[in-house]
């Protein structure tokens, strides 16, 4: 099995994981503070892991809203958000610099829905409706 790295960048905490299949090889947790501090800590973690073991792919799941159009000049950046200091943060640009391998970015909500379909409550189904509830939105996939 190939080794993969994953990032979950949430509004209050950021998680990084290095895994081979379902085996967790390493993990790290950081408070989500400023973009400079948080992204630098994640990059340093990924670089440290890469120094020990190459990873075949990197997955990034981030709070949003994100620019997810790969053809857009600001692909992978944070759009206007109420999280102070994060509007315009180049999430993909910062984290993908460590990855000389395939990488993908999506919102944390989309990533959670995909994980439920792949491994969780939606496993084996032809379609999945993933609902989250919060004061300002409901997302249906």
Protein backbone atom coordinates (compact mmCIF):
# COMPACT_ATOMS: atom_id res chain seq x y z
CA UNK A 1 0.00 0.00 0.00
CA UNK A 2 1.11 3.52 -0.75
CA UNK A 3 1.64 6.11 1.93
CA UNK A 4 -0.61 9.16 1.71
CA UNK A 5 -0.80 12.43 3.61
CA UNK A 6 -3.96 14.26 4.54
CA UNK A 7 -4.79 17.69 5.94
CA UNK A 8 -8.06 18.72 7.57
CA UNK A 9 -8.04 22.47 8.07
CA UNK A 10 -10.93 23.43 10.29
CA UNK A 11 -12.01 26.74 11.72
CA UNK A 12 -10.59 25.94 15.17
CA UNK A 13 -8.08 23.15 14.62
CA UNK A 14 -5.93 21.70 11.87
CA UNK A 15 -5.09 18.01 11.63
CA UNK A 16 -2.41 16.31 9.58
CA UNK A 17 -2.13 12.57 9.08
CA UNK A 18 0.26 10.21 7.35
CA UNK A 19 -1.25 6.81 6.60
CA UNK A 20 -0.75 3.58 4.75
CA UNK A 21 -4.15 2.04 4.17
CA UNK A 22 -5.97 2.22 7.50
CA UNK A 23 -2.70 2.32 9.47
CA UNK A 24 -1.90 5.78 10.87
CA UNK A 25 1.86 6.28 10.72
CA UNK A 26 1.93 9.80 12.16
CA UNK A 27 -0.44 12.60 13.06
CA UNK A 28 -0.28 16.18 14.28
CA UNK A 29 -2.81 18.69 15.59
CA UNK A 30 -2.57 22.48 15.65
CA UNK A 31 -4.87 25.32 16.62
CA UNK A 32 -6.13 27.25 13.61
CA UNK A 33 -4.77 30.72 14.29
CA UNK A 34 -3.54 32.95 11.48
CA UNK A 35 -2.96 31.65 7.94
CA UNK A 36 0.80 32.28 8.23
CA UNK A 37 1.15 30.39 11.52
CA UNK A 38 -1.23 27.53 10.76
CA UNK A 39 -0.11 26.85 7.18
CA UNK A 40 3.57 27.10 8.20
CA UNK A 41 3.03 24.49 10.93
CA UNK A 42 1.30 22.16 8.47
CA UNK A 43 4.03 22.65 5.84
CA UNK A 44 6.75 21.96 8.43
CA UNK A 45 4.96 18.76 9.46
CA UNK A 46 4.60 17.57 5.87
CA UNK A 47 8.25 18.37 5.15
CA UNK A 48 9.34 16.38 8.22
CA UNK A 49 7.33 13.38 7.13
CA UNK A 50 8.62 13.65 3.58
CA UNK A 51 12.16 13.58 4.94
CA UNK A 52 11.43 10.18 6.49
CA UNK A 53 9.06 8.64 3.97
CA UNK A 54 7.79 9.76 0.58
CA UNK A 55 4.05 9.98 0.23
CA UNK A 56 2.25 9.14 -2.99
CA UNK A 57 -0.57 11.69 -2.67
CA UNK A 58 -1.81 14.58 -0.57
CA UNK A 59 -5.45 15.32 0.22
CA UNK A 60 -6.49 18.70 1.61
CA UNK A 61 -9.91 19.33 3.18
CA UNK A 62 -10.44 22.90 4.32
CA UNK A 63 -13.13 25.04 5.83
CA UNK A 64 -14.44 27.44 3.28
CA UNK A 65 -15.59 28.93 1.18
CA UNK A 66 -12.81 27.96 -1.23
CA UNK A 67 -12.23 28.69 -4.91
CA UNK A 68 -12.47 25.17 -6.34
CA UNK A 69 -12.34 25.90 -10.07
CA UNK A 70 -8.92 24.59 -11.19
CA UNK A 71 -8.98 27.04 -14.11
CA UNK A 72 -9.35 30.08 -11.86
CA UNK A 73 -6.22 32.12 -11.11
CA UNK A 74 -7.08 31.98 -7.40
CA UNK A 75 -7.75 28.21 -7.34
CA UNK A 76 -7.40 26.83 -3.83
CA UNK A 77 -7.68 30.15 -2.04
CA UNK A 78 -10.10 31.10 0.71
CA UNK A 79 -12.91 33.33 -0.47
CA UNK A 80 -14.60 35.90 1.77
CA UNK A 81 -15.00 34.30 5.18
CA UNK A 82 -15.94 35.56 8.64
CA UNK A 83 -12.79 33.86 10.02
CA UNK A 84 -10.55 36.86 10.68
CA UNK A 85 -7.48 37.07 8.46
CA UNK A 86 -8.30 34.06 6.29
CA UNK A 87 -10.00 35.74 3.31
CA UNK A 88 -7.64 35.37 0.35
CA UNK A 89 -5.37 32.83 2.11
CA UNK A 90 -3.70 30.57 -0.48
CA UNK A 91 -4.41 27.19 1.10
CA UNK A 92 -3.53 25.05 -1.92
CA UNK A 93 -0.51 27.14 -2.83
CA UNK A 94 1.02 26.81 0.62
CA UNK A 95 0.35 23.11 1.18
CA UNK A 96 0.92 21.77 -2.33
CA UNK A 97 4.48 23.17 -2.43
CA UNK A 98 5.51 20.23 -0.23
CA UNK A 99 3.83 17.69 -2.51
CA UNK A 100 5.82 16.59 -5.52
CA UNK A 101 3.00 14.09 -5.96
CA UNK A 102 -0.65 14.27 -6.96
CA UNK A 103 -2.75 16.42 -4.63
CA UNK A 104 -6.35 17.53 -4.39
CA UNK A 105 -8.21 20.15 -2.40
CA UNK A 106 -11.88 20.35 -1.49
CA UNK A 107 -14.03 21.72 1.29
CA UNK A 108 -14.16 19.85 4.57
CA UNK A 109 -17.90 19.26 4.01
CA UNK A 110 -17.37 17.71 0.58
CA UNK A 111 -14.53 15.58 1.95
CA UNK A 112 -16.72 14.35 4.82
CA UNK A 113 -19.50 13.41 2.38
CA UNK A 114 -17.03 11.54 0.18
CA UNK A 115 -15.62 9.68 3.20
CA UNK A 116 -19.13 8.62 4.27
CA UNK A 117 -19.77 7.31 0.76
CA UNK A 118 -16.41 5.55 0.52
CA UNK A 119 -16.06 4.10 4.03
CA UNK A 120 -19.02 5.11 6.20
CA UNK A 121 -22.80 5.11 6.30
CA UNK A 122 -23.09 5.51 2.52
CA UNK A 123 -20.65 2.73 1.62
CA UNK A 124 -21.94 0.61 -1.25
CA UNK A 125 -24.77 2.96 -2.18
CA UNK A 126 -25.30 4.33 -5.68
CA UNK A 127 -26.06 7.80 -4.37
CA UNK A 128 -25.74 9.74 -1.15
CA UNK A 129 -27.42 12.79 0.30
CA UNK A 130 -25.16 14.42 2.89
CA UNK A 131 -26.79 17.11 5.01
CA UNK A 132 -25.17 19.43 7.47
CA UNK A 133 -27.12 21.89 9.49
CA UNK A 134 -25.84 25.22 10.65
CA UNK A 135 -27.40 28.64 11.16
CA UNK A 136 -26.51 29.86 7.66
CA UNK A 137 -26.52 26.94 5.23
CA UNK A 138 -27.49 23.44 4.30
CA UNK A 139 -25.34 21.64 1.76
CA UNK A 140 -26.73 18.77 -0.28
CA UNK A 141 -24.39 16.63 -2.36
